[in-house]
Amino acid sequence: MRGATHARWAAGAAAAALVAAGCGGGADSGGDTAAVLSSSWGDPQNPLEPANTNEVQGGKVLDMIFRNLKRYDPGTGEAEDMLAEKIETSDSRNFTITVKDGWTFSNGEKVTARSFVDAWNYGASLKNKQRNAYFFEYVEGYDRVHPNDGGEQSADTLSGLEVVDDRTFTVRLTQKFSTFPDTLGYPAFAPLPRAFFTDHEAWLAKPVGNGPYAIQSYTKGSQMELRTWEGYPGPDKARNGGVTLKVYTDNNTAYTDLMAGNLDLVDDVPAAQLKNVRNDLGARYLNTPAGIIQTLAFPYYDPDWNKPGSAKVRTGLSRAIDREQITRTIFQNTRTPATDWTSPVLGEDGGYQKGLCGDACAYDPEAAKKLIKEGGGLPGGQVKITYNADSGSHKQWVDAVCNSINNALDNDRACVADPVGTFADYRGRITGKKLAGPFRAGWQMDYPLIQNFLQPLYYTNASSNDGKWSDEEFDRLVDQANAETDTAAAVAKFQQAEEVVRDSMAAIPLWYQNGSAGYSQRLSGVRLNPFSVPVYDEIKVS
């Protein structure tokens, strides 16, 4: 989750800082365009269907094997035309999209207007159970293709999509949505070849896309091999021969392999190594601003977290967390205590509200105890913070958060950590509604708009609203913001919606996160994009 004239406001606000900080270190050698690099990775939660992938590990691969109507500039995050020759609208509700000529999938099939329309219809359809179906909600006919009221699906295709000719299709939305074109770089909107529909199982086993890389093989729990697609027609051809993504269940092990020369790139430096990494790697360590916020979310499907007074309990827990100490001691100041629910990379013009959380995010043990008592106490007398244990960094900070809560409440069992072995299993518990307490809910932006930090996470039944929080006033303000054609007015409405999140403490904001990476002497031209993902196609290997 990105038109020529739409919503450049958020991306532009952060452009200068991101360009300055996003450049990789190391000498820029000519490189061996046939050489393959290795990078740390984790198994994705689901098979790599674009409309069914809403987590970071799967998203990395989709960004390598697909190109969409828009692409987010690796330096600024700005939405720029990729397969879109033009996106036209006179009313911010009806859009005519023209697809560039000359694009094909890696199997040779031509990318056409129907490649997008068929893919979007598939992604929206209730029967296909796609996690990102929500992104098509504003397209006319979604209520019949994917009814949200528990009713039966009464149509197979969105009435708001129409193929005009080989390169043109139209989109009619249910309401004005001025920033709609800027969302079209998100993976859910990727085109799909006919093979996806005619031999679905074979495609899932070896996905075929239209990006600079093609998947050669994948062994779950081990690695995925991607190789450069020589026939790629885009301007961002890969400068290497491919990438082997190696699965690690502990990023400390990945870092050890990097230092031993067994791995070329680690894109998440473990917290335990932050005090050493500059000495270990020098200019080959990257620490750059990114659109990432770490939060604690809550299971609102559990009555204990959705009853009168529970907002006070959540606020009390927030006040029991010493963010300053944790970001200093655990993360060596590579994180910044959060004071709102978005990210500073948006800039104030883009919607970032520094200090919005106010006292509710300030450490105060006495206030924490008072609020929790007024709210009826901790459910069951204890909170368990669930997280995926295949990242060493998560264990350290979750333990630190629990220690902070326990110290503030004078109770060494008020908070305990609840680790889940792998990211895939962790996501399974979340989507299966099997959590009884707060859980790690970091958000990495899909596109640099305030809308993306709020709507997917807190709108009723939104795709990434894992805790199932719901508030009619928040939904109303988001709908109004999306309908605004004036960008400043849209931002202001979204900021009002964020105040609703604050007043309910729908999630506890912890800290803003920089992207971090370390790489071997074999590599040059390494940088992280504003989403903290390596720009793999730019990396050179010597």
Protein backbone atom coordinates (compact mmCIF):
# COMPACT_ATOMS: atom_id res chain seq x y z
CA MET A 1 0.00 0.00 0.00
CA ARG A 2 0.60 4.65 -4.38
CA GLY A 3 -1.25 9.34 -10.67
CA ALA A 4 0.25 11.84 -11.97
CA THR A 5 -1.49 14.60 -10.08
CA HIS A 6 -2.62 12.84 -6.93
CA ALA A 7 -1.30 12.82 -3.36
CA ARG A 8 2.31 13.69 -3.98
CA TRP A 9 1.99 15.67 -0.76
CA ALA A 10 3.12 12.89 1.59
CA ALA A 11 5.96 11.55 -0.51
CA GLY A 12 7.30 14.99 -1.24
CA ALA A 13 7.42 15.93 2.41
CA ALA A 14 9.91 13.18 3.14
CA ALA A 15 11.84 13.19 -0.13
CA ALA A 16 14.87 15.25 0.86
CA ALA A 17 15.54 13.35 4.07
CA LEU A 18 15.09 9.96 2.47
CA VAL A 19 17.32 10.75 -0.47
CA ALA A 20 20.04 11.94 1.86
CA ALA A 21 19.81 8.98 4.19
CA GLY A 22 18.85 6.22 1.81
CA CYS A 23 22.08 5.91 -0.13
CA GLY A 24 24.16 2.83 0.49
CA GLY A 25 27.79 2.87 1.51
CA GLY A 26 30.75 1.15 -0.05
CA ALA A 27 32.61 1.64 -3.30
CA ASP A 28 30.59 1.36 -6.47
CA SER A 29 32.40 -1.23 -8.55
CA GLY A 30 31.36 -2.27 -12.02
CA GLY A 31 30.06 -5.57 -10.69
CA ASP A 32 29.48 -8.94 -12.27
CA THR A 33 26.03 -8.88 -13.82
CA ALA A 34 25.92 -12.69 -13.70
CA ALA A 35 26.87 -13.01 -10.04
CA VAL A 36 24.25 -14.00 -7.48
CA LEU A 37 24.02 -12.51 -3.98
CA SER A 38 22.54 -14.11 -0.86
CA SER A 39 20.26 -12.34 1.58
CA SER A 40 18.51 -13.22 4.85
CA TRP A 41 14.78 -13.89 4.70
CA GLY A 42 11.85 -15.58 6.42
CA ASP A 43 9.19 -17.88 5.01
CA PRO A 44 6.06 -15.93 4.01
CA GLN A 45 2.80 -16.68 5.75
CA ASN A 46 0.89 -17.63 2.58
CA PRO A 47 1.58 -18.66 -1.02
CA LEU A 48 2.64 -15.61 -3.01
CA GLU A 49 -0.67 -14.52 -4.49
CA PRO A 50 -0.41 -10.71 -4.71
CA ALA A 51 -3.84 -10.12 -3.16
CA ASN A 52 -3.14 -12.58 -0.35
CA THR A 53 0.19 -11.21 0.85
CA ASN A 54 0.16 -8.48 3.48
CA GLU A 55 3.34 -9.19 5.41
CA VAL A 56 6.94 -8.16 4.89
CA GLN A 57 8.63 -11.41 3.88
CA GLY A 58 6.19 -12.24 1.11
CA GLY A 59 6.11 -8.58 0.10
CA LYS A 60 9.86 -8.58 -0.54
CA VAL A 61 9.46 -11.28 -3.16
CA LEU A 62 6.43 -9.69 -4.80
CA ASP A 63 8.41 -6.46 -5.17
CA MET A 64 11.08 -8.42 -7.02
CA ILE A 65 8.89 -10.44 -9.38
CA PHE A 66 6.13 -7.92 -10.13
CA ARG A 67 5.81 -4.39 -11.48
CA ASN A 68 2.50 -2.56 -11.14
CA LEU A 69 0.83 0.47 -12.67
CA LYS A 70 2.79 2.56 -10.20
CA ARG A 71 6.13 2.09 -8.50
CA TYR A 72 7.34 3.83 -5.39
CA ASP A 73 10.62 5.62 -5.98
CA PRO A 74 13.35 3.79 -4.01
CA GLY A 75 14.72 7.08 -2.72
CA THR A 76 11.68 9.25 -2.05
CA GLY A 77 8.78 6.80 -1.88
CA GLU A 78 6.90 8.93 -4.41
CA ALA A 79 4.36 7.13 -6.59
CA GLU A 80 5.57 7.16 -10.18
CA ASP A 81 4.15 5.64 -13.35
CA MET A 82 5.52 2.20 -14.18
CA LEU A 83 3.10 0.22 -16.35
CA ALA A 84 0.66 3.14 -16.34
CA GLU A 85 1.03 5.30 -19.42
CA LYS A 86 -1.60 7.60 -17.94
CA ILE A 87 -4.34 7.62 -15.32
CA GLU A 88 -7.05 10.15 -16.06
CA THR A 89 -9.99 11.41 -14.02
CA SER A 90 -12.18 14.49 -13.96
CA ASP A 91 -14.05 13.75 -10.76
CA SER A 92 -11.77 11.55 -8.56
CA ARG A 93 -14.34 8.78 -8.88
CA ASN A 94 -14.16 7.59 -12.50
CA PHE A 95 -10.69 6.70 -13.77
CA THR A 96 -9.43 5.73 -17.22
CA ILE A 97 -6.17 3.79 -17.09
CA THR A 98 -3.93 3.26 -20.11
CA VAL A 99 -1.33 0.48 -19.86
CA LYS A 100 2.04 0.95 -21.52
CA ASP A 101 2.79 -1.17 -24.57
CA GLY A 102 5.70 -3.62 -24.69
CA TRP A 103 5.36 -5.24 -21.28
CA THR A 104 5.23 -9.02 -20.89
CA PHE A 105 5.31 -11.59 -18.13
CA SER A 106 8.41 -13.73 -17.78
CA ASN A 107 6.60 -16.58 -19.59
CA GLY A 108 6.25 -14.37 -22.68
CA GLU A 109 2.58 -13.50 -22.26
CA LYS A 110 1.70 -9.87 -22.98
CA VAL A 111 0.58 -7.67 -20.10
CA THR A 112 -2.75 -6.12 -21.06
CA ALA A 113 -5.61 -4.24 -19.48
CA ARG A 114 -7.28 -7.59 -18.86
CA SER A 115 -4.23 -8.76 -16.90
CA PHE A 116 -5.14 -6.14 -14.32
CA VAL A 117 -8.92 -6.47 -14.45
CA ASP A 118 -8.85 -10.26 -14.07
CA ALA A 119 -6.36 -10.00 -11.21
CA TRP A 120 -8.41 -7.39 -9.36
CA ASN A 121 -11.61 -9.37 -9.78
CA TYR A 122 -9.86 -12.43 -8.39
CA GLY A 123 -8.45 -10.48 -5.46
CA ALA A 124 -11.82 -8.99 -4.55
CA SER A 125 -13.86 -12.20 -4.76
CA LEU A 126 -15.01 -13.59 -1.43
CA LYS A 127 -14.64 -17.19 -2.56
CA ASN A 128 -10.91 -16.71 -3.16
CA LYS A 129 -10.31 -15.71 0.47
CA GLN A 130 -7.65 -13.11 -0.29
CA ARG A 131 -6.31 -11.17 2.71
CA ASN A 132 -6.03 -7.95 0.67
CA ALA A 133 -9.53 -8.07 -0.80
CA TYR A 134 -10.28 -4.98 1.25
CA PHE A 135 -8.15 -2.85 -1.10
CA PHE A 136 -10.83 -3.22 -3.76
CA GLU A 137 -13.64 -2.14 -1.45
CA TYR A 138 -14.08 1.26 -3.10
CA VAL A 139 -14.54 -0.27 -6.56
CA GLU A 140 -18.21 -0.35 -7.52
CA GLY A 141 -19.75 -3.80 -7.13
CA TYR A 142 -17.55 -4.89 -4.22
CA ASP A 143 -20.61 -5.32 -2.01
CA ARG A 144 -21.86 -8.08 -4.33
CA VAL A 145 -18.48 -9.71 -4.96
CA HIS A 146 -17.41 -9.58 -1.33
CA PRO A 147 -20.34 -8.82 1.00
CA ASN A 148 -19.17 -7.77 4.46
CA ASP A 149 -22.48 -8.52 6.15
CA GLY A 150 -22.12 -12.29 6.03
CA GLY A 151 -24.36 -12.60 2.99
CA GLU A 152 -23.68 -14.77 -0.02
CA GLN A 153 -21.57 -13.59 -2.93
CA SER A 154 -23.92 -12.63 -5.77
CA ALA A 155 -21.42 -11.61 -8.49
CA ASP A 156 -18.06 -12.87 -9.68
CA THR A 157 -16.73 -9.61 -11.10
CA LEU A 158 -16.65 -5.99 -10.01
CA SER A 159 -19.17 -3.91 -11.95
CA GLY A 160 -16.84 -0.93 -11.63
CA LEU A 161 -14.14 -2.52 -13.79
CA GLU A 162 -14.41 -2.59 -17.57
CA VAL A 163 -11.89 -3.51 -20.26
CA VAL A 164 -12.11 -0.95 -23.10
CA ASP A 165 -9.41 -2.37 -25.34
CA ASP A 166 -6.10 -4.22 -25.12
CA ARG A 167 -4.39 -1.36 -23.28
CA THR A 168 -7.25 0.53 -21.63
CA PHE A 169 -9.61 -0.15 -18.75
CA THR A 170 -11.88 1.98 -16.61
CA VAL A 171 -12.48 2.03 -12.88
CA ARG A 172 -15.60 3.42 -11.23
CA LEU A 173 -15.49 3.87 -7.47
CA THR A 174 -18.39 4.07 -5.05
CA GLN A 175 -17.22 7.48 -3.86
CA LYS A 176 -14.55 10.06 -4.58
CA PHE A 177 -11.08 8.80 -3.65
CA SER A 178 -8.53 11.39 -4.69
CA THR A 179 -5.49 9.34 -3.71
CA PHE A 180 -6.63 6.14 -5.42
CA PRO A 181 -3.96 6.29 -8.17
CA ASP A 182 -1.19 6.46 -5.58
CA THR A 183 -2.30 3.16 -4.07
CA LEU A 184 -1.75 1.29 -7.34
CA GLY A 185 1.85 0.37 -6.59
CA TYR A 186 0.72 -1.91 -3.78
CA PRO A 187 1.19 -5.64 -4.56
CA ALA A 188 -2.55 -6.40 -4.34
CA PHE A 189 -3.00 -4.44 -7.59
CA ALA A 190 -0.40 -6.44 -9.56
CA PRO A 191 -1.33 -7.89 -12.97
CA LEU A 192 -1.59 -11.65 -13.36
CA PRO A 193 -0.94 -13.91 -16.36
CA ARG A 194 -3.50 -16.39 -17.70
CA ALA A 195 -1.45 -19.24 -16.19
CA PHE A 196 -2.49 -18.03 -12.74
CA PHE A 197 -6.09 -18.92 -13.61
CA THR A 198 -5.67 -21.89 -15.95
CA ASP A 199 -3.19 -23.86 -13.78
CA HIS A 200 -3.41 -22.25 -10.39
CA GLU A 201 -1.59 -24.94 -8.41
CA ALA A 202 1.37 -24.90 -10.79
CA TRP A 203 1.52 -21.09 -10.58
CA LEU A 204 1.50 -21.19 -6.78
CA ALA A 205 4.38 -23.67 -6.82
CA LYS A 206 6.41 -21.35 -9.08
CA PRO A 207 4.86 -17.88 -9.40
CA VAL A 208 5.26 -16.05 -12.71
CA GLY A 209 5.37 -12.26 -12.70
CA ASN A 210 6.53 -9.34 -14.83
CA GLY A 211 9.32 -7.91 -12.66
CA PRO A 212 13.12 -7.92 -13.02
CA TYR A 213 13.47 -11.31 -11.29
CA ALA A 214 11.90 -14.72 -11.84
CA ILE A 215 11.58 -17.44 -9.22
CA GLN A 216 13.73 -20.46 -10.03
CA SER A 217 12.96 -22.60 -6.99
CA TYR A 218 11.65 -22.46 -3.43
CA THR A 219 12.14 -24.88 -0.57
CA LYS A 220 10.13 -23.86 2.48
CA GLY A 221 12.29 -23.52 5.54
CA SER A 222 15.44 -23.34 3.44
CA GLN A 223 15.66 -20.82 0.61
CA MET A 224 14.16 -19.23 -2.48
CA GLU A 225 16.27 -18.76 -5.59
CA LEU A 226 15.44 -15.80 -7.80
CA ARG A 227 17.35 -15.14 -10.99
CA THR A 228 17.49 -12.12 -13.24
CA TRP A 229 14.95 -12.22 -16.05
CA GLU A 230 16.92 -11.23 -19.12
CA GLY A 231 13.78 -10.29 -21.07
CA TYR A 232 12.58 -7.77 -18.51
CA PRO A 233 11.40 -4.66 -20.43
CA GLY A 234 11.48 -2.13 -17.59
CA PRO A 235 13.99 0.66 -16.94
CA ASP A 236 15.11 -0.85 -13.62
CA LYS A 237 16.85 -3.99 -14.89
CA ALA A 238 18.76 -5.97 -12.29
CA ARG A 239 22.49 -5.23 -12.05
CA ASN A 240 23.23 -8.71 -10.72
CA GLY A 241 22.52 -12.27 -11.73
CA GLY A 242 19.96 -12.94 -9.02
CA VAL A 243 19.26 -13.24 -5.33
CA THR A 244 19.13 -16.31 -3.13
CA LEU A 245 16.90 -15.62 -0.15
CA LYS A 246 18.00 -17.80 2.76
CA VAL A 247 15.53 -18.58 5.52
CA TYR A 248 16.67 -17.79 9.06
CA THR A 249 14.64 -18.33 12.19
CA ASP A 250 17.07 -16.16 14.18
CA ASN A 251 18.59 -13.00 12.74
CA ASN A 252 21.52 -13.36 15.13
CA THR A 253 22.49 -16.46 13.16
CA ALA A 254 22.15 -14.49 9.94
CA TYR A 255 24.49 -11.83 11.29
CA THR A 256 27.00 -14.48 12.32
CA ASP A 257 26.87 -15.92 8.80
CA LEU A 258 27.45 -12.47 7.34
CA MET A 259 30.53 -11.98 9.48
CA ALA A 260 31.78 -15.47 8.55
CA GLY A 261 31.42 -14.79 4.82
CA ASN A 262 28.52 -17.21 4.37
CA LEU A 263 25.93 -14.52 3.62
CA ASP A 264 26.05 -11.29 1.62
CA LEU A 265 23.24 -9.24 3.08
CA VAL A 266 21.34 -9.01 6.37
CA ASP A 267 18.39 -6.62 6.15
CA ASP A 268 17.55 -6.63 9.85
CA VAL A 269 20.54 -6.16 12.13
CA PRO A 270 19.71 -7.84 15.46
CA ALA A 271 19.45 -5.63 18.49
CA ALA A 272 22.20 -7.60 20.26
CA GLN A 273 24.68 -6.54 17.56
CA LEU A 274 23.81 -2.84 17.34
CA LYS A 275 26.60 -1.92 19.76
CA ASN A 276 29.14 -3.75 17.56
CA VAL A 277 27.88 -3.31 14.03
CA ARG A 278 29.65 -0.04 13.20
CA ASN A 279 32.99 -1.49 14.23
CA ASP A 280 32.25 -4.77 12.45
CA LEU A 281 31.08 -3.33 9.14
CA GLY A 282 31.96 0.36 8.97
CA ALA A 283 30.38 1.92 5.86
CA ARG A 284 28.77 -1.43 5.05
CA TYR A 285 26.23 -0.84 7.83
CA LEU A 286 23.08 1.07 6.85
CA ASN A 287 20.77 2.82 9.29
CA THR A 288 18.20 4.89 7.40
CA PRO A 289 14.80 6.51 8.09
CA ALA A 290 11.89 4.25 7.24
CA GLY A 291 8.12 4.33 7.41
CA ILE A 292 7.89 1.81 10.24
CA ILE A 293 6.19 1.98 13.61
CA GLN A 294 6.14 -0.69 16.30
CA THR A 295 2.96 -1.03 18.35
CA LEU A 296 1.19 -3.36 20.72
CA ALA A 297 -2.20 -4.37 19.34
CA PHE A 298 -5.07 -5.96 21.26
CA PRO A 299 -7.59 -8.75 20.53
CA TYR A 300 -10.88 -6.86 20.58
CA TYR A 301 -12.70 -10.10 19.82
CA ASP A 302 -11.87 -10.98 23.44
CA PRO A 303 -14.56 -9.36 25.66
CA ASP A 304 -11.95 -8.58 28.32
CA TRP A 305 -10.32 -6.06 25.98
CA ASN A 306 -13.55 -4.61 24.62
CA LYS A 307 -15.53 -3.70 27.71
CA PRO A 308 -16.13 -0.38 29.50
CA GLY A 309 -12.92 0.77 31.15
CA SER A 310 -10.58 -1.24 28.93
CA ALA A 311 -9.29 1.95 27.26
CA LYS A 312 -8.01 3.04 30.66
CA VAL A 313 -6.26 -0.28 31.12
CA ARG A 314 -4.56 0.06 27.72
CA THR A 315 -3.55 3.64 28.48
CA GLY A 316 -2.21 2.53 31.85
CA LEU A 317 -0.08 -0.12 30.16
CA SER A 318 1.20 2.54 27.77
CA ARG A 319 2.22 4.73 30.70
CA ALA A 320 4.03 1.77 32.28
CA ILE A 321 6.43 1.45 29.30
CA ASP A 322 9.67 3.40 29.52
CA ARG A 323 10.21 3.98 25.78
CA GLU A 324 13.22 6.25 26.29
CA GLN A 325 15.16 3.65 28.25
CA ILE A 326 14.27 0.76 25.94
CA THR A 327 15.20 2.57 22.72
CA ARG A 328 18.46 3.69 24.32
CA THR A 329 19.59 0.44 25.93
CA ILE A 330 18.11 -2.23 23.64
CA PHE A 331 18.23 -0.43 20.30
CA GLN A 332 21.21 1.91 20.79
CA ASN A 333 19.06 4.87 19.69
CA THR A 334 18.22 3.30 16.31
CA ARG A 335 14.57 3.65 17.36
CA THR A 336 12.74 6.81 18.45
CA PRO A 337 9.93 6.77 21.04
CA ALA A 338 6.62 7.11 19.20
CA THR A 339 4.36 10.04 19.94
CA ASP A 340 1.65 9.27 17.37
CA TRP A 341 0.40 6.33 15.27
CA THR A 342 2.05 7.20 11.91
CA SER A 343 5.70 7.98 11.06
CA PRO A 344 7.90 11.09 10.93
CA VAL A 345 8.82 10.22 7.32
CA LEU A 346 5.42 11.61 6.32
CA GLY A 347 6.37 15.07 7.54
CA GLU A 348 3.89 17.44 9.13
CA ASP A 349 2.37 18.37 5.75
CA GLY A 350 1.76 14.67 5.15
CA GLY A 351 -0.06 14.13 8.43
CA TYR A 352 2.55 13.27 11.05
CA GLN A 353 1.43 14.70 14.40
CA LYS A 354 4.39 14.89 16.74
CA GLY A 355 3.22 14.68 20.32
CA LEU A 356 -0.34 13.60 19.54
CA CYS A 357 -0.21 10.82 22.13
CA GLY A 358 0.73 13.31 24.85
CA ASP A 359 0.91 12.08 28.42
CA ALA A 360 -0.60 8.73 27.41
CA CYS A 361 2.80 7.80 25.95
CA ALA A 362 4.85 9.27 28.80
CA TYR A 363 6.33 6.90 31.39
CA ASP A 364 4.63 7.41 34.75
CA PRO A 365 4.31 4.40 37.08
CA GLU A 366 1.86 6.08 39.46
CA ALA A 367 -0.44 7.16 36.64
CA ALA A 368 -0.15 3.66 35.14
CA LYS A 369 -1.28 1.97 38.35
CA LYS A 370 -4.14 4.44 38.84
CA LEU A 371 -5.47 4.04 35.28
CA ILE A 372 -5.32 0.25 35.33
CA LYS A 373 -7.12 0.13 38.66
CA GLU A 374 -9.82 2.55 37.42
CA GLY A 375 -10.25 0.41 34.29
CA GLY A 376 -10.97 -2.74 36.31
CA GLY A 377 -7.46 -4.19 36.45
CA LEU A 378 -5.49 -6.39 34.08
CA PRO A 379 -7.69 -9.16 32.57
CA GLY A 380 -6.95 -12.28 34.58
CA GLY A 381 -4.42 -10.30 36.60
CA GLN A 382 -1.73 -10.59 33.91
CA VAL A 383 -0.95 -9.65 30.34
CA LYS A 384 0.95 -11.90 27.94
CA ILE A 385 2.69 -10.17 25.04
CA THR A 386 2.79 -12.50 22.05
CA TYR A 387 5.53 -12.19 19.44
CA ASN A 388 7.38 -14.27 16.85
CA ALA A 389 10.58 -15.67 18.29
CA ASP A 390 12.44 -16.10 14.99
CA SER A 391 13.83 -12.61 15.41
CA GLY A 392 16.19 -12.23 18.35
CA SER A 393 15.40 -8.51 18.53
CA HIS A 394 11.76 -9.13 19.35
CA LYS A 395 12.60 -11.24 22.38
CA GLN A 396 14.87 -8.55 23.78
CA TRP A 397 12.44 -5.68 23.48
CA VAL A 398 9.38 -7.68 24.57
CA ASP A 399 11.27 -8.79 27.67
CA ALA A 400 12.25 -5.16 28.27
CA VAL A 401 8.66 -3.95 27.87
CA CYS A 402 7.45 -6.57 30.34
CA ASN A 403 10.18 -5.66 32.81
CA SER A 404 9.17 -2.01 32.52
CA ILE A 405 5.50 -2.84 33.12
CA ASN A 406 6.33 -5.13 36.04
CA ASN A 407 8.55 -2.50 37.66
CA ALA A 408 5.95 0.24 37.17
CA LEU A 409 3.16 -1.90 38.67
CA ASP A 410 5.31 -3.38 41.46
CA ASN A 411 4.35 -6.86 40.31
CA ASP A 412 6.94 -9.14 38.74
CA ARG A 413 4.23 -11.28 37.08
CA ALA A 414 1.99 -8.51 35.72
CA CYS A 415 3.48 -9.01 32.28
CA VAL A 416 5.09 -12.07 30.69
CA ALA A 417 6.39 -12.73 27.20
CA ASP A 418 4.59 -15.28 25.02
CA PRO A 419 6.89 -16.34 22.15
CA VAL A 420 5.69 -18.19 19.04
CA GLY A 421 8.35 -20.13 17.15
CA THR A 422 8.08 -18.75 13.61
CA PHE A 423 6.64 -15.72 11.85
CA ALA A 424 4.33 -17.92 9.77
CA ASP A 425 2.94 -19.62 12.89
CA TYR A 426 2.61 -16.27 14.62
CA ARG A 427 0.60 -14.83 11.73
CA GLY A 428 -1.54 -17.95 11.75
CA ARG A 429 -2.48 -17.36 15.37
CA ILE A 430 -3.31 -13.75 14.63
CA THR A 431 -5.52 -14.44 11.63
CA GLY A 432 -7.11 -17.35 13.51
CA LYS A 433 -8.09 -15.01 16.37
CA LYS A 434 -6.27 -17.18 18.89
CA LEU A 435 -4.70 -14.44 21.01
CA ALA A 436 -5.89 -13.43 24.47
CA GLY A 437 -3.63 -10.45 25.12
CA PRO A 438 -1.51 -7.75 23.48
CA PHE A 439 0.68 -8.75 20.55
CA ARG A 440 3.50 -7.31 18.47
CA ALA A 441 2.00 -5.35 15.58
CA GLY A 442 4.71 -3.44 13.78
CA TRP A 443 3.58 -1.66 10.61
CA GLN A 444 5.77 -1.07 7.59
CA MET A 445 4.06 1.40 5.27
CA ASP A 446 2.88 0.21 1.88
CA TYR A 447 2.84 3.74 0.46
CA PRO A 448 3.77 7.06 2.09
CA LEU A 449 0.31 8.40 2.89
CA ILE A 450 -1.24 8.97 6.32
CA GLN A 451 -4.19 6.93 5.05
CA ASN A 452 -1.96 3.86 4.94
CA PHE A 453 -1.01 4.12 8.61
CA LEU A 454 -4.65 4.35 9.69
CA GLN A 455 -7.20 2.73 7.38
CA PRO A 456 -5.68 -0.75 6.90
CA LEU A 457 -5.04 -1.08 10.64
CA TYR A 458 -8.05 0.47 12.34
CA TYR A 459 -10.96 0.68 9.87
CA THR A 460 -13.69 -1.86 10.62
CA ASN A 461 -12.78 -5.23 9.05
CA ALA A 462 -9.79 -3.74 7.22
CA SER A 463 -7.20 -6.13 5.79
CA SER A 464 -4.61 -5.63 8.54
CA ASN A 465 -6.96 -4.83 11.41
CA ASP A 466 -5.78 -7.96 13.17
CA GLY A 467 -7.28 -7.08 16.53
CA LYS A 468 -10.70 -6.28 14.99
CA TRP A 469 -11.00 -2.85 16.62
CA SER A 470 -14.03 -0.95 15.34
CA ASP A 471 -15.27 2.60 15.80
CA GLU A 472 -18.05 4.27 13.79
CA GLU A 473 -16.63 7.78 14.19
CA PHE A 474 -13.21 6.68 12.98
CA ASP A 475 -14.75 4.96 9.94
CA ARG A 476 -16.84 8.05 9.14
CA LEU A 477 -13.82 10.37 9.25
CA VAL A 478 -11.76 8.04 7.06
CA ASP A 479 -14.55 7.91 4.49
CA GLN A 480 -14.73 11.69 4.49
CA ALA A 481 -10.96 12.02 4.15
CA ASN A 482 -10.87 9.67 1.17
CA ALA A 483 -13.58 11.71 -0.54
CA GLU A 484 -11.65 14.98 -0.25
CA THR A 485 -10.08 16.26 -3.48
CA ASP A 486 -8.06 18.90 -1.63
CA THR A 487 -5.02 17.21 -0.14
CA ALA A 488 -4.71 19.50 2.89
CA ALA A 489 -8.36 18.86 3.75
CA ALA A 490 -7.84 15.12 3.35
CA VAL A 491 -4.85 15.17 5.69
CA ALA A 492 -6.81 17.15 8.28
CA LYS A 493 -9.64 14.60 8.24
CA PHE A 494 -7.23 11.71 8.65
CA GLN A 495 -5.64 13.53 11.58
CA GLN A 496 -9.07 13.80 13.21
CA ALA A 497 -9.49 10.06 12.69
CA GLU A 498 -6.13 9.47 14.36
CA GLU A 499 -7.38 11.38 17.39
CA VAL A 500 -10.14 8.78 17.73
CA VAL A 501 -7.46 6.07 17.76
CA ARG A 502 -5.66 8.02 20.47
CA ASP A 503 -8.71 8.54 22.64
CA SER A 504 -9.43 4.81 22.66
CA MET A 505 -5.75 3.77 22.77
CA ALA A 506 -6.72 1.33 20.03
CA ALA A 507 -3.09 0.24 19.93
CA ILE A 508 -0.11 1.29 22.04
CA PRO A 509 2.52 3.12 19.95
CA LEU A 510 6.02 2.13 21.02
CA TRP A 511 8.69 3.53 18.68
CA TYR A 512 9.52 4.56 15.14
CA GLN A 513 12.04 2.29 13.50
CA ASN A 514 14.89 2.94 11.12
CA GLY A 515 15.73 0.44 8.44
CA SER A 516 18.98 -1.37 9.10
CA ALA A 517 21.18 -3.63 7.01
CA GLY A 518 24.69 -4.95 6.81
CA TYR A 519 26.44 -6.38 3.78
CA SER A 520 29.60 -8.11 2.65
CA GLN A 521 32.59 -6.73 0.77
CA ARG A 522 31.32 -8.46 -2.37
CA LEU A 523 28.47 -5.97 -2.68
CA SER A 524 28.20 -2.33 -3.70
CA GLY A 525 25.35 0.02 -4.49
CA VAL A 526 23.34 -1.26 -1.52
CA ARG A 527 20.56 0.91 -0.15
CA LEU A 528 17.24 0.54 1.60
CA ASN A 529 14.06 2.05 0.22
CA PRO A 530 11.69 4.06 2.45
CA PHE A 531 10.00 0.77 3.35
CA SER A 532 13.33 -0.53 4.77
CA VAL A 533 13.60 -3.19 2.02
CA PRO A 534 16.86 -3.57 0.07
CA VAL A 535 16.68 -2.30 -3.51
CA TYR A 536 17.86 -5.65 -4.81
CA ASP A 537 17.91 -4.74 -8.51
CA GLU A 538 20.48 -1.98 -7.87
CA ILE A 539 22.98 -4.15 -6.00
CA LYS A 540 26.23 -5.00 -7.75
CA VAL A 541 28.29 -8.09 -6.94
CA SER A 542 32.05 -8.28 -7.43
